[in-house]
Each structure stands twice: as structure tokens, then as C-alpha cells.
Protein backbone atom coordinates (compact mmCIF):
# COMPACT_ATOMS: atom_id res chain seq x y z
CA MET A 1 -0.07 -0.07 0.01
CA THR A 2 1.57 3.25 -0.96
CA ARG A 3 1.66 6.52 1.19
CA SER A 4 -1.39 7.96 -0.77
CA ASP A 5 -3.37 4.85 -0.22
CA ILE A 6 -2.79 5.18 3.48
CA VAL A 7 -3.96 8.95 3.40
CA GLU A 8 -7.02 7.98 1.33
CA LEU A 9 -7.77 5.37 3.88
CA ARG A 10 -7.37 7.82 6.63
CA TYR A 11 -9.74 10.30 4.93
CA ALA A 12 -12.28 7.70 4.46
CA VAL A 13 -12.13 6.72 8.20
CA GLY A 14 -12.61 10.40 8.88
CA GLN A 15 -15.60 10.52 6.63
CA LEU A 16 -17.07 7.66 8.48
CA ARG A 17 -16.34 9.15 11.85
CA GLN A 18 -18.38 12.27 10.70
CA SER A 19 -21.26 10.06 9.65
CA ILE A 20 -21.34 7.95 12.86
CA GLY A 21 -21.25 11.27 14.83
CA ALA A 22 -24.24 12.39 12.86
CA LEU A 23 -26.08 9.25 13.54
CA ARG A 24 -25.27 9.52 17.24
CA SER A 25 -26.75 13.03 17.44
CA ASN A 26 -29.85 11.81 15.72
CA TYR A 27 -30.53 8.58 17.35
CA GLY A 28 -28.56 8.86 20.60
CA ASP A 29 -27.23 5.74 22.34
CA ALA A 30 -29.13 3.29 19.94
CA ALA A 31 -27.47 -0.28 20.21
CA THR A 32 -26.81 -0.10 16.37
CA VAL A 33 -24.99 3.35 16.77
CA ARG A 34 -22.95 1.91 19.44
CA ARG A 35 -21.82 -1.10 17.28
CA LEU A 36 -21.02 1.04 14.51
CA GLU A 37 -18.88 3.14 16.78
CA ASN A 38 -17.05 -0.17 17.86
CA ASP A 39 -16.54 -1.28 14.10
CA LEU A 40 -15.06 2.36 13.47
CA GLU A 41 -12.74 1.82 16.68
CA ARG A 42 -11.62 -1.57 15.20
CA LEU A 43 -11.06 -0.11 11.80
CA VAL A 44 -8.99 2.56 13.22
CA ILE A 45 -6.81 0.04 15.15
CA ASP A 46 -6.43 -2.13 11.95
CA ALA A 47 -5.45 0.91 9.81
CA ASP A 48 -2.79 2.02 12.53
CA GLU A 49 -1.52 -1.53 12.61
CA PHE A 50 -1.40 -1.83 8.86
CA GLU A 51 0.39 1.45 8.66
CA HIS A 52 3.16 0.60 11.12
CA THR A 53 3.57 -3.05 10.18
CA PRO A 54 1.98 -3.81 6.67
CA PRO A 55 1.95 -7.40 5.45
CA PRO A 56 4.19 -8.49 2.74
CA GLU A 57 2.91 -7.64 -0.75
CA VAL A 58 1.37 -10.39 -2.91
CA SER A 59 2.41 -10.44 -6.38
CA THR A 60 0.08 -12.19 -8.74
CA PRO A 61 1.78 -14.10 -11.57
CA ARG A 62 0.76 -12.88 -14.86
CA ARG A 63 0.61 -15.08 -18.07
CA SER A 64 2.21 -13.37 -20.94
CA GLU A 65 1.28 -16.13 -23.43
CA PRO A 66 -2.31 -16.69 -24.48
CA ILE A 67 -3.80 -20.18 -23.74
CA TYR A 68 -4.43 -22.08 -26.74
CA VAL A 69 -7.66 -23.83 -27.43
CA PRO A 70 -8.12 -26.02 -30.33
CA ASP A 71 -10.94 -25.62 -32.85
CA SER A 72 -10.96 -29.25 -33.43
CA LYS A 73 -13.80 -31.54 -32.49
CA SER A 74 -13.57 -32.93 -28.91
CA ASP A 75 -14.42 -36.52 -27.81
CA GLU A 76 -17.95 -36.39 -27.16
CA ALA A 77 -18.03 -39.79 -25.46
CA ALA A 78 -16.45 -37.76 -22.48
CA TRP A 79 -19.78 -35.91 -22.28
CA MET A 80 -22.30 -38.95 -22.32
CA GLY A 81 -24.49 -39.02 -19.14
CA ALA A 82 -23.31 -35.66 -18.14
CA GLN A 83 -26.21 -33.23 -16.76
CA ASP A 84 -27.57 -30.31 -18.81
CA GLU A 85 -27.93 -28.26 -15.43
CA GLY A 86 -28.19 -24.52 -16.16
CA LEU A 87 -28.56 -24.68 -19.86
CA GLY A 88 -32.37 -24.09 -19.92
CA PHE A 89 -33.64 -27.52 -20.67
CA HIS A 90 -34.39 -30.70 -18.75
CA SER A 91 -31.73 -33.43 -18.47
CA ARG A 92 -31.92 -35.88 -21.53
CA PRO A 93 -29.69 -38.89 -22.52
CA ARG A 94 -27.02 -37.29 -24.96
CA THR A 95 -26.81 -38.76 -28.09
CA LYS A 96 -23.74 -38.84 -30.77
């Protein structure tokens, strides 16, 4: 996570804090408002922890070459007895 990502996260948490504050002023000490405040507290703790000790970044391997799918006819025997589930018609015996 870059520094700008952390700044953006902090800004979003600040916006959330303001929204929950508005809910508190409108609904008082309702249980749902208290839970939102607890969730916000946990989010602040997690954001602090992430900022100070970020986990290692995960790199996703990218395939640079396309996967070739042949146009030749496949062996239809492999599909004998298969279900037609999700194709919009009822199961029926497959024929060659």
C-alpha cells in the first residue's frame, strides 16, 4: 500500500467518523450506533497496525502467453451421461 493509499484510507475513516457522529446526534445511544462506533474503533486500530507493520505484498503471476484452445472437435464420449444443468432445458440422454 502506497503512502497515498494510506492517506486515502485515513480520509475515508474520517468521513465515516463524521457520519457516525451525525447518527449519534440523531439517534442517541442506540445499540446499532454503538456497534457502528465499535466497528469504527476496530477499523482505526487495524489501519494503524497496517500502516506501522504492513503485511508483505502479494504478487500475482501474470501469463504473458495466451492459452491455446483447439478448434478441433472434442471427444463427445466424454460428455455422455453428463447433466444439462443450467442450460435451460431438462436433462436428457445425450446422443452422438
